Amino acid sequence: MESHVFISTTDLQVLIDSHSVQIVDSGMGAKDGHFAKRIPGAKYFNIPDIKCTQSSHSIGFPCLSDFTEYMKKFGLKNNGTVVVVYDQSGVAMSGRAWFMFRHYGYQNVRILDGGLVKWVAEGRATESGEYEITENTDVNPNDYQFVERQGERAFLNEVQEIGRKINSNETDVRIWDPRSAEVFNNGTINSAVNIPFSAFFNADKTVISAEAARKILDERLGHGEIITTCAKGVIACLGNAIAMHAGRNARVYTGSLEEWRTYKL
C-alpha cells in the first residue's frame, strides 16, 4: 500500500524526470555533506536556521510570520508542486522539515523512504560541488501564502496536565519519545515512553509497513492519542510522521524537553 507520508526512490525518480518536484536536503550543520553529494536539484535546508525569533530556545518552532519570511528567502514555493524531503544519512533529520512544511500549508509533502542512503545504493544520479547559498530574490507573493494547521501541536500546559492524568490513570493519551534508548535515559519529560524510531525502519533505512508500525505503537502506547516529544522538537516530528504512516492520531510537543526543563512546575 502506498504511504501518504513516505515516497519511494522510484516514485521520486518519476517526479524528477517529469520536472514536477521540489527536493529538500534537510539537516543540522550538514552543508558540507550536501556539497559532497546530493540528489540533483536539491536545496539544503539547515534546520537551526528556521526558528522562532521571539524564543530563547535554541531551535524554537517558528511562528507563521517567521516561517513565511524564511521560505521567501529559501525559495520553496507553495504552489501545489510535490515537495520531497530527505536526510543524508537516513531519516532522522527529515521529519522536522516535513512537519513544518505540512503544518504551514504545503499540500503534498513526502519523506524520501531510505533517504540519500538508499538513493545512492541504487546507483541513482547525484551531483556534487559547492555553490553559493543565496537568498531568493524572485518572490511572487502568491507562491508564499501559508496558513497554520490547527490541532497538530501540543503545548506545555496541556502536556503537563496529560502527564498528571497518565500517572493517575485518567487518560488514554500517551507521550512518546522516539529518540534512542541511550539518549532517552539521559533525560525526558515526565511519563514519556521510549520506542526508538529505529524500530520502525529496515536495515536499508526504509520504513516498515504501516500495519507493522501500527502494531508496535498499539502494543506499547495503547489506542489513544499520541503526543511526541524529544530534546528540541526535531526527532519528535519524525515520530509524528511514523504515527501518521501507521494511521494513528498524533500531535507534536514542539517545545519538548528544552522547554519542559525551562518552565517545569
C-alpha atoms as a PDB file:
ATOM      1  CA  MET A   1       0.000   0.000   0.000  1.00  0.00           C
ATOM      2  CA  GLU A   2       1.319   3.430  -0.926  1.00  0.00           C
ATOM      3  CA  SER A   3       2.266   5.582   2.059  1.00  0.00           C
ATOM      4  CA  HIS A   4       0.843   9.081   2.346  1.00  0.00           C
ATOM      5  CA  VAL A   5       3.932  10.112   4.332  1.00  0.00           C
ATOM      6  CA  PHE A   6       6.862   8.417   2.589  1.00  0.00           C
ATOM      7  CA  ILE A   7       7.725   8.279  -1.097  1.00  0.00           C
ATOM      8  CA  SER A   8       9.854   5.617  -2.777  1.00  0.00           C
ATOM      9  CA  THR A   9      13.051   6.339  -4.666  1.00  0.00           C
ATOM     10  CA  THR A  10      11.341   5.029  -7.804  1.00  0.00           C
ATOM     11  CA  ASP A  11       8.451   7.469  -7.485  1.00  0.00           C
ATOM     12  CA  LEU A  12      10.821  10.352  -6.790  1.00  0.00           C
ATOM     13  CA  GLN A  13      12.729   9.475  -9.955  1.00  0.00           C
ATOM     14  CA  VAL A  14       9.477   9.733 -11.930  1.00  0.00           C
ATOM     15  CA  LEU A  15       8.819  13.186 -10.470  1.00  0.00           C
ATOM     16  CA  ILE A  16      12.359  14.320 -11.280  1.00  0.00           C
ATOM     17  CA  ASP A  17      12.061  13.073 -14.858  1.00  0.00           C
ATOM     18  CA  SER A  18       8.799  14.984 -15.269  1.00  0.00           C
ATOM     19  CA  HIS A  19      10.212  18.163 -13.661  1.00  0.00           C
ATOM     20  CA  SER A  20       7.374  18.197 -11.132  1.00  0.00           C
ATOM     21  CA  VAL A  21       9.060  18.143  -7.736  1.00  0.00           C
ATOM     22  CA  GLN A  22      10.892  20.385  -5.277  1.00  0.00           C
ATOM     23  CA  ILE A  23      13.597  18.473  -3.362  1.00  0.00           C
ATOM     24  CA  VAL A  24      14.899  19.459   0.076  1.00  0.00           C
ATOM     25  CA  ASP A  25      18.001  18.065   1.801  1.00  0.00           C
ATOM     26  CA  SER A  26      17.184  18.563   5.489  1.00  0.00           C
ATOM     27  CA  GLY A  27      19.925  18.538   8.120  1.00  0.00           C
ATOM     28  CA  MET A  28      21.636  20.242  11.018  1.00  0.00           C
ATOM     29  CA  GLY A  29      25.021  21.687  10.131  1.00  0.00           C
ATOM     30  CA  ALA A  30      25.332  19.262   7.222  1.00  0.00           C
ATOM     31  CA  LYS A  31      26.083  21.725   4.420  1.00  0.00           C
ATOM     32  CA  ASP A  32      29.432  20.077   3.659  1.00  0.00           C
ATOM     33  CA  GLY A  33      27.683  16.748   3.160  1.00  0.00           C
ATOM     34  CA  HIS A  34      25.208  18.440   0.842  1.00  0.00           C
ATOM     35  CA  PHE A  35      28.033  19.856  -1.242  1.00  0.00           C
ATOM     36  CA  ALA A  36      29.779  16.475  -1.335  1.00  0.00           C
ATOM     37  CA  LYS A  37      26.781  14.508  -2.610  1.00  0.00           C
ATOM     38  CA  ARG A  38      23.143  15.377  -3.176  1.00  0.00           C
ATOM     39  CA  ILE A  39      20.156  14.442  -5.284  1.00  0.00           C
ATOM     40  CA  PRO A  40      20.177  16.657  -8.393  1.00  0.00           C
ATOM     41  CA  GLY A  41      18.315  19.901  -7.834  1.00  0.00           C
ATOM     42  CA  ALA A  42      18.065  19.538  -4.058  1.00  0.00           C
ATOM     43  CA  LYS A  43      18.185  22.656  -1.887  1.00  0.00           C
ATOM     44  CA  TYR A  44      19.880  22.479   1.515  1.00  0.00           C
ATOM     45  CA  PHE A  45      17.587  23.241   4.467  1.00  0.00           C
ATOM     46  CA  ASN A  46      19.512  23.828   7.694  1.00  0.00           C
ATOM     47  CA  ILE A  47      17.037  23.146  10.498  1.00  0.00           C
ATOM     48  CA  PRO A  48      18.565  25.532  13.109  1.00  0.00           C
ATOM     49  CA  ASP A  49      18.223  28.472  10.695  1.00  0.00           C
ATOM     50  CA  ILE A  50      14.423  28.448  10.773  1.00  0.00           C
ATOM     51  CA  LYS A  51      13.250  29.084  14.309  1.00  0.00           C
ATOM     52  CA  CYS A  52      11.099  31.394  16.407  1.00  0.00           C
ATOM     53  CA  THR A  53      12.736  34.819  16.600  1.00  0.00           C
ATOM     54  CA  GLN A  54      10.854  35.570  19.831  1.00  0.00           C
ATOM     55  CA  SER A  55      12.012  32.460  21.701  1.00  0.00           C
ATOM     56  CA  SER A  56      15.093  31.854  23.808  1.00  0.00           C
ATOM     57  CA  HIS A  57      15.039  28.164  22.837  1.00  0.00           C
ATOM     58  CA  SER A  58      17.846  27.046  20.541  1.00  0.00           C
ATOM     59  CA  ILE A  59      15.544  25.972  17.699  1.00  0.00           C
ATOM     60  CA  GLY A  60      12.105  27.015  18.906  1.00  0.00           C
ATOM     61  CA  PHE A  61       9.353  26.166  16.425  1.00  0.00           C
ATOM     62  CA  PRO A  62       8.809  29.205  14.171  1.00  0.00           C
ATOM     63  CA  CYS A  63       5.615  31.224  14.187  1.00  0.00           C
ATOM     64  CA  LEU A  64       3.749  31.814  10.910  1.00  0.00           C
ATOM     65  CA  SER A  65       5.426  35.164  10.177  1.00  0.00           C
ATOM     66  CA  ASP A  66       8.935  33.778  10.816  1.00  0.00           C
ATOM     67  CA  PHE A  67       8.201  30.783   8.606  1.00  0.00           C
ATOM     68  CA  THR A  68       6.809  32.916   5.796  1.00  0.00           C
ATOM     69  CA  GLU A  69       9.804  35.227   5.677  1.00  0.00           C
ATOM     70  CA  TYR A  70      12.260  32.356   5.770  1.00  0.00           C
ATOM     71  CA  MET A  71      10.535  30.445   2.974  1.00  0.00           C
ATOM     72  CA  LYS A  72      10.550  33.512   0.737  1.00  0.00           C
ATOM     73  CA  LYS A  73      14.324  33.681   1.195  1.00  0.00           C
ATOM     74  CA  PHE A  74      14.703  29.919   0.825  1.00  0.00           C
ATOM     75  CA  GLY A  75      12.636  29.879  -2.358  1.00  0.00           C
ATOM     76  CA  LEU A  76      10.415  26.844  -1.775  1.00  0.00           C
ATOM     77  CA  LYS A  77       7.175  27.761  -3.495  1.00  0.00           C
ATOM     78  CA  ASN A  78       3.829  26.729  -2.083  1.00  0.00           C
ATOM     79  CA  ASN A  79       2.231  26.272  -5.484  1.00  0.00           C
ATOM     80  CA  GLY A  80       0.975  22.696  -5.342  1.00  0.00           C
ATOM     81  CA  THR A  81       4.198  21.093  -6.583  1.00  0.00           C
ATOM     82  CA  VAL A  82       5.183  17.968  -4.658  1.00  0.00           C
ATOM     83  CA  VAL A  83       7.877  18.597  -2.038  1.00  0.00           C
ATOM     84  CA  VAL A  84      10.187  15.689  -1.145  1.00  0.00           C
ATOM     85  CA  VAL A  85      12.399  15.927   1.926  1.00  0.00           C
ATOM     86  CA  TYR A  86      15.380  13.671   2.520  1.00  0.00           C
ATOM     87  CA  ASP A  87      18.133  13.107   5.061  1.00  0.00           C
ATOM     88  CA  GLN A  88      21.739  12.468   4.041  1.00  0.00           C
ATOM     89  CA  SER A  89      22.106   9.513   6.419  1.00  0.00           C
ATOM     90  CA  GLY A  90      18.618   8.039   6.514  1.00  0.00           C
ATOM     91  CA  VAL A  91      15.521   9.658   8.005  1.00  0.00           C
ATOM     92  CA  ALA A  92      16.243  11.299  11.370  1.00  0.00           C
ATOM     93  CA  MET A  93      16.526  14.911  10.155  1.00  0.00           C
ATOM     94  CA  SER A  94      13.766  14.727   7.561  1.00  0.00           C
ATOM     95  CA  GLY A  95      10.838  14.752   9.994  1.00  0.00           C
ATOM     96  CA  ARG A  96      11.228  18.336  11.221  1.00  0.00           C
ATOM     97  CA  ALA A  97      11.161  19.858   7.720  1.00  0.00           C
ATOM     98  CA  TRP A  98       8.316  17.521   6.687  1.00  0.00           C
ATOM     99  CA  PHE A  99       6.218  18.508   9.687  1.00  0.00           C
ATOM    100  CA  MET A 100       6.997  22.223   9.404  1.00  0.00           C
ATOM    101  CA  PHE A 101       6.110  22.366   5.711  1.00  0.00           C
ATOM    102  CA  ARG A 102       2.841  20.477   6.227  1.00  0.00           C
ATOM    103  CA  HIS A 103       1.958  22.478   9.319  1.00  0.00           C
ATOM    104  CA  TYR A 104       2.097  25.734   7.407  1.00  0.00           C
ATOM    105  CA  GLY A 105       0.150  24.589   4.403  1.00  0.00           C
ATOM    106  CA  TYR A 106       2.225  22.773   1.799  1.00  0.00           C
ATOM    107  CA  GLN A 107      -0.318  20.330   0.408  1.00  0.00           C
ATOM    108  CA  ASN A 108       1.836  17.432  -0.753  1.00  0.00           C
ATOM    109  CA  VAL A 109       4.992  16.813   1.285  1.00  0.00           C
ATOM    110  CA  ARG A 110       6.712  13.425   1.457  1.00  0.00           C
ATOM    111  CA  ILE A 111       9.781  11.987   3.146  1.00  0.00           C
ATOM    112  CA  LEU A 112      12.093  10.046   0.836  1.00  0.00           C
ATOM    113  CA  ASP A 113      11.935   6.449   2.006  1.00  0.00           C
ATOM    114  CA  GLY A 114      15.504   5.364   2.697  1.00  0.00           C
ATOM    115  CA  GLY A 115      16.867   8.856   2.214  1.00  0.00           C
ATOM    116  CA  LEU A 116      20.060   9.560   0.321  1.00  0.00           C
ATOM    117  CA  VAL A 117      21.490   6.242   1.567  1.00  0.00           C
ATOM    118  CA  LYS A 118      19.051   4.166  -0.478  1.00  0.00           C
ATOM    119  CA  TRP A 119      19.171   6.567  -3.419  1.00  0.00           C
ATOM    120  CA  VAL A 120      22.938   6.134  -3.686  1.00  0.00           C
ATOM    121  CA  ALA A 121      22.810   2.374  -3.045  1.00  0.00           C
ATOM    122  CA  GLU A 122      20.557   2.010  -6.082  1.00  0.00           C
ATOM    123  CA  GLY A 123      23.068   3.815  -8.270  1.00  0.00           C
ATOM    124  CA  ARG A 124      20.819   6.762  -8.983  1.00  0.00           C
ATOM    125  CA  ALA A 125      22.205  10.075 -10.177  1.00  0.00           C
ATOM    126  CA  THR A 126      23.790  12.505  -7.737  1.00  0.00           C
ATOM    127  CA  GLU A 127      25.610  15.793  -8.092  1.00  0.00           C
ATOM    128  CA  SER A 128      28.305  17.453  -6.032  1.00  0.00           C
ATOM    129  CA  GLY A 129      30.209  20.683  -5.715  1.00  0.00           C
ATOM    130  CA  GLU A 130      29.988  23.838  -3.680  1.00  0.00           C
ATOM    131  CA  TYR A 131      27.760  26.717  -4.667  1.00  0.00           C
ATOM    132  CA  GLU A 132      26.818  29.941  -3.010  1.00  0.00           C
ATOM    133  CA  ILE A 133      23.640  29.558  -0.997  1.00  0.00           C
ATOM    134  CA  THR A 134      21.987  32.897  -1.615  1.00  0.00           C
ATOM    135  CA  GLU A 135      18.643  34.367  -0.668  1.00  0.00           C
ATOM    136  CA  ASN A 136      15.876  34.011  -3.211  1.00  0.00           C
ATOM    137  CA  THR A 137      15.007  37.395  -4.745  1.00  0.00           C
ATOM    138  CA  ASP A 138      12.339  36.255  -7.216  1.00  0.00           C
ATOM    139  CA  VAL A 139       9.390  36.453  -4.838  1.00  0.00           C
ATOM    140  CA  ASN A 140       5.843  36.231  -6.148  1.00  0.00           C
ATOM    141  CA  PRO A 141       3.686  36.720  -3.024  1.00  0.00           C
ATOM    142  CA  ASN A 142       1.120  34.265  -4.405  1.00  0.00           C
ATOM    143  CA  ASP A 143       3.718  31.479  -4.139  1.00  0.00           C
ATOM    144  CA  TYR A 144       4.281  32.098  -0.426  1.00  0.00           C
ATOM    145  CA  GLN A 145       0.821  32.073   1.101  1.00  0.00           C
ATOM    146  CA  PHE A 146       0.730  29.995   4.280  1.00  0.00           C
ATOM    147  CA  VAL A 147      -1.896  29.069   6.868  1.00  0.00           C
ATOM    148  CA  GLU A 148      -1.152  27.297  10.126  1.00  0.00           C
ATOM    149  CA  ARG A 149      -2.940  23.988  10.555  1.00  0.00           C
ATOM    150  CA  GLN A 150      -4.684  23.637  13.881  1.00  0.00           C
ATOM    151  CA  GLY A 151      -4.597  20.579  16.122  1.00  0.00           C
ATOM    152  CA  GLU A 152      -1.131  19.347  15.125  1.00  0.00           C
ATOM    153  CA  ARG A 153       0.923  20.677  18.046  1.00  0.00           C
ATOM    154  CA  ALA A 154       0.744  20.164  21.805  1.00  0.00           C
ATOM    155  CA  PHE A 155       1.793  22.843  24.274  1.00  0.00           C
ATOM    156  CA  LEU A 156       3.437  22.923  27.692  1.00  0.00           C
ATOM    157  CA  ASN A 157       0.431  23.337  29.980  1.00  0.00           C
ATOM    158  CA  GLU A 158      -1.604  20.575  28.365  1.00  0.00           C
ATOM    159  CA  VAL A 159       1.381  18.218  28.214  1.00  0.00           C
ATOM    160  CA  GLN A 160       1.953  18.773  31.934  1.00  0.00           C
ATOM    161  CA  GLU A 161      -1.731  18.026  32.560  1.00  0.00           C
ATOM    162  CA  ILE A 162      -1.599  14.931  30.349  1.00  0.00           C
ATOM    163  CA  GLY A 163       1.400  13.703  32.338  1.00  0.00           C
ATOM    164  CA  ARG A 164      -0.523  14.085  35.587  1.00  0.00           C
ATOM    165  CA  LYS A 165      -3.513  12.232  34.148  1.00  0.00           C
ATOM    166  CA  ILE A 166      -1.315   9.404  32.847  1.00  0.00           C
ATOM    167  CA  ASN A 167       0.121   8.942  36.336  1.00  0.00           C
ATOM    168  CA  SER A 168      -3.379   8.748  37.826  1.00  0.00           C
ATOM    169  CA  ASN A 169      -4.822   6.571  35.028  1.00  0.00           C
ATOM    170  CA  GLU A 170      -7.281   9.263  33.945  1.00  0.00           C
ATOM    171  CA  THR A 171      -6.448   9.343  30.227  1.00  0.00           C
ATOM    172  CA  ASP A 172      -5.578   7.041  27.339  1.00  0.00           C
ATOM    173  CA  VAL A 173      -3.319   9.694  25.758  1.00  0.00           C
ATOM    174  CA  ARG A 174       0.324   8.638  25.747  1.00  0.00           C
ATOM    175  CA  ILE A 175       3.561  10.603  25.407  1.00  0.00           C
ATOM    176  CA  TRP A 176       6.129   9.039  23.098  1.00  0.00           C
ATOM    177  CA  ASP A 177       9.831   9.926  22.953  1.00  0.00           C
ATOM    178  CA  PRO A 178      11.272   8.281  19.788  1.00  0.00           C
ATOM    179  CA  ARG A 179      14.949   9.006  20.468  1.00  0.00           C
ATOM    180  CA  SER A 180      17.467   6.235  21.062  1.00  0.00           C
ATOM    181  CA  ALA A 181      17.287   4.487  24.450  1.00  0.00           C
ATOM    182  CA  GLU A 182      20.691   5.849  25.445  1.00  0.00           C
ATOM    183  CA  VAL A 183      19.676   9.460  24.793  1.00  0.00           C
ATOM    184  CA  PHE A 184      16.232   8.941  26.333  1.00  0.00           C
ATOM    185  CA  ASN A 185      17.804   7.647  29.548  1.00  0.00           C
ATOM    186  CA  ASN A 186      19.753  10.877  29.872  1.00  0.00           C
ATOM    187  CA  GLY A 187      16.523  12.813  30.332  1.00  0.00           C
ATOM    188  CA  THR A 188      12.979  13.135  29.043  1.00  0.00           C
ATOM    189  CA  ILE A 189       9.684  14.670  30.120  1.00  0.00           C
ATOM    190  CA  ASN A 190       7.507  13.067  32.780  1.00  0.00           C
ATOM    191  CA  SER A 191       5.506   9.976  31.784  1.00  0.00           C
ATOM    192  CA  ALA A 192       7.132   9.635  28.355  1.00  0.00           C
ATOM    193  CA  VAL A 193       7.504   6.148  26.879  1.00  0.00           C
ATOM    194  CA  ASN A 194      10.562   5.327  24.801  1.00  0.00           C
ATOM    195  CA  ILE A 195      10.272   3.469  21.498  1.00  0.00           C
ATOM    196  CA  PRO A 196      13.380   4.330  19.445  1.00  0.00           C
ATOM    197  CA  PHE A 197      12.496   5.415  15.921  1.00  0.00           C
ATOM    198  CA  SER A 198      14.978   2.851  14.611  1.00  0.00           C
ATOM    199  CA  ALA A 199      12.398   0.157  15.484  1.00  0.00           C
ATOM    200  CA  PHE A 200      10.309   1.418  12.567  1.00  0.00           C
ATOM    201  CA  PHE A 201      12.981   1.204   9.869  1.00  0.00           C
ATOM    202  CA  ASN A 202      14.654  -1.598   7.986  1.00  0.00           C
ATOM    203  CA  ALA A 203      18.399  -2.042   7.514  1.00  0.00           C
ATOM    204  CA  ASP A 204      18.263  -0.101   4.233  1.00  0.00           C
ATOM    205  CA  LYS A 205      16.651   2.860   6.083  1.00  0.00           C
ATOM    206  CA  THR A 206      13.219   2.261   4.554  1.00  0.00           C
ATOM    207  CA  VAL A 207      10.155   2.414   6.771  1.00  0.00           C
ATOM    208  CA  ILE A 208       8.370  -0.767   7.822  1.00  0.00           C
ATOM    209  CA  SER A 209       4.803  -1.318   6.669  1.00  0.00           C
ATOM    210  CA  ALA A 210       2.009   0.799   8.100  1.00  0.00           C
ATOM    211  CA  GLU A 211       0.488  -2.343   9.627  1.00  0.00           C
ATOM    212  CA  ALA A 212       3.739  -3.312  11.363  1.00  0.00           C
ATOM    213  CA  ALA A 213       4.266   0.246  12.633  1.00  0.00           C
ATOM    214  CA  ARG A 214       0.733   0.380  13.999  1.00  0.00           C
ATOM    215  CA  LYS A 215       1.195  -2.929  15.769  1.00  0.00           C
ATOM    216  CA  ILE A 216       4.244  -1.600  17.631  1.00  0.00           C
ATOM    217  CA  LEU A 217       2.500   1.627  18.600  1.00  0.00           C
ATOM    218  CA  ASP A 218      -0.693  -0.127  19.677  1.00  0.00           C
ATOM    219  CA  GLU A 219       1.201  -2.612  21.838  1.00  0.00           C
ATOM    220  CA  ARG A 220       3.388  -0.037  23.545  1.00  0.00           C
ATOM    221  CA  LEU A 221       1.148   3.039  23.674  1.00  0.00           C
ATOM    222  CA  GLY A 222      -2.401   1.739  23.572  1.00  0.00           C
ATOM    223  CA  HIS A 223      -5.031   3.155  21.244  1.00  0.00           C
ATOM    224  CA  GLY A 224      -5.422   6.766  22.406  1.00  0.00           C
ATOM    225  CA  GLU A 225      -3.899   9.950  21.027  1.00  0.00           C
ATOM    226  CA  ILE A 226      -0.098  10.123  20.893  1.00  0.00           C
ATOM    227  CA  ILE A 227       1.964  13.184  21.856  1.00  0.00           C
ATOM    228  CA  THR A 228       5.529  13.008  20.525  1.00  0.00           C
ATOM    229  CA  THR A 229       8.460  14.665  22.271  1.00  0.00           C
ATOM    230  CA  CYS A 230      12.260  14.629  22.205  1.00  0.00           C
ATOM    231  CA  ALA A 231      15.039  17.050  23.196  1.00  0.00           C
ATOM    232  CA  LYS A 232      14.312  20.069  20.996  1.00  0.00           C
ATOM    233  CA  GLY A 233      11.361  19.134  18.800  1.00  0.00           C
ATOM    234  CA  VAL A 234      13.280  17.550  15.911  1.00  0.00           C
ATOM    235  CA  ILE A 235      13.024  13.773  16.369  1.00  0.00           C
ATOM    236  CA  ALA A 236       9.520  14.315  17.777  1.00  0.00           C
ATOM    237  CA  CYS A 237       8.474  15.397  14.280  1.00  0.00           C
ATOM    238  CA  LEU A 238       9.777  12.139  12.838  1.00  0.00           C
ATOM    239  CA  GLY A 239       7.718  10.329  15.470  1.00  0.00           C
ATOM    240  CA  ASN A 240       4.675  12.216  14.214  1.00  0.00           C
ATOM    241  CA  ALA A 241       5.450  11.090  10.663  1.00  0.00           C
ATOM    242  CA  ILE A 242       5.718   7.465  11.805  1.00  0.00           C
ATOM    243  CA  ALA A 243       2.428   7.718  13.685  1.00  0.00           C
ATOM    244  CA  MET A 244       0.694   9.228  10.646  1.00  0.00           C
ATOM    245  CA  HIS A 245       2.171   6.498   8.442  1.00  0.00           C
ATOM    246  CA  ALA A 246       0.664   3.980  10.870  1.00  0.00           C
ATOM    247  CA  GLY A 247      -2.730   5.672  10.785  1.00  0.00           C
ATOM    248  CA  ARG A 248      -2.551   6.879  14.385  1.00  0.00           C
ATOM    249  CA  ASN A 249      -3.754  10.206  15.754  1.00  0.00           C
ATOM    250  CA  ALA A 250      -0.747  12.195  16.982  1.00  0.00           C
ATOM    251  CA  ARG A 251       0.480  15.691  17.794  1.00  0.00           C
ATOM    252  CA  VAL A 252       3.970  17.093  18.329  1.00  0.00           C
ATOM    253  CA  TYR A 253       5.076  18.756  21.544  1.00  0.00           C
ATOM    254  CA  THR A 254       7.364  21.111  19.654  1.00  0.00           C
ATOM    255  CA  GLY A 255       8.837  22.673  22.799  1.00  0.00           C
ATOM    256  CA  SER A 256       9.913  19.226  24.023  1.00  0.00           C
ATOM    257  CA  LEU A 257      12.461  18.699  26.802  1.00  0.00           C
ATOM    258  CA  GLU A 258      14.202  22.039  26.265  1.00  0.00           C
ATOM    259  CA  GLU A 259      11.013  23.951  27.068  1.00  0.00           C
ATOM    260  CA  TRP A 260       9.952  21.449  29.731  1.00  0.00           C
ATOM    261  CA  ARG A 261      13.126  21.986  31.728  1.00  0.00           C
ATOM    262  CA  THR A 262      12.812  25.758  31.481  1.00  0.00           C
ATOM    263  CA  TYR A 263       9.228  26.037  32.658  1.00  0.00           C
ATOM    264  CA  LYS A 264       8.651  22.851  34.622  1.00  0.00           C
ATOM    265  CA  LEU A 265       6.320  23.480  37.552  1.00  0.00           C
END
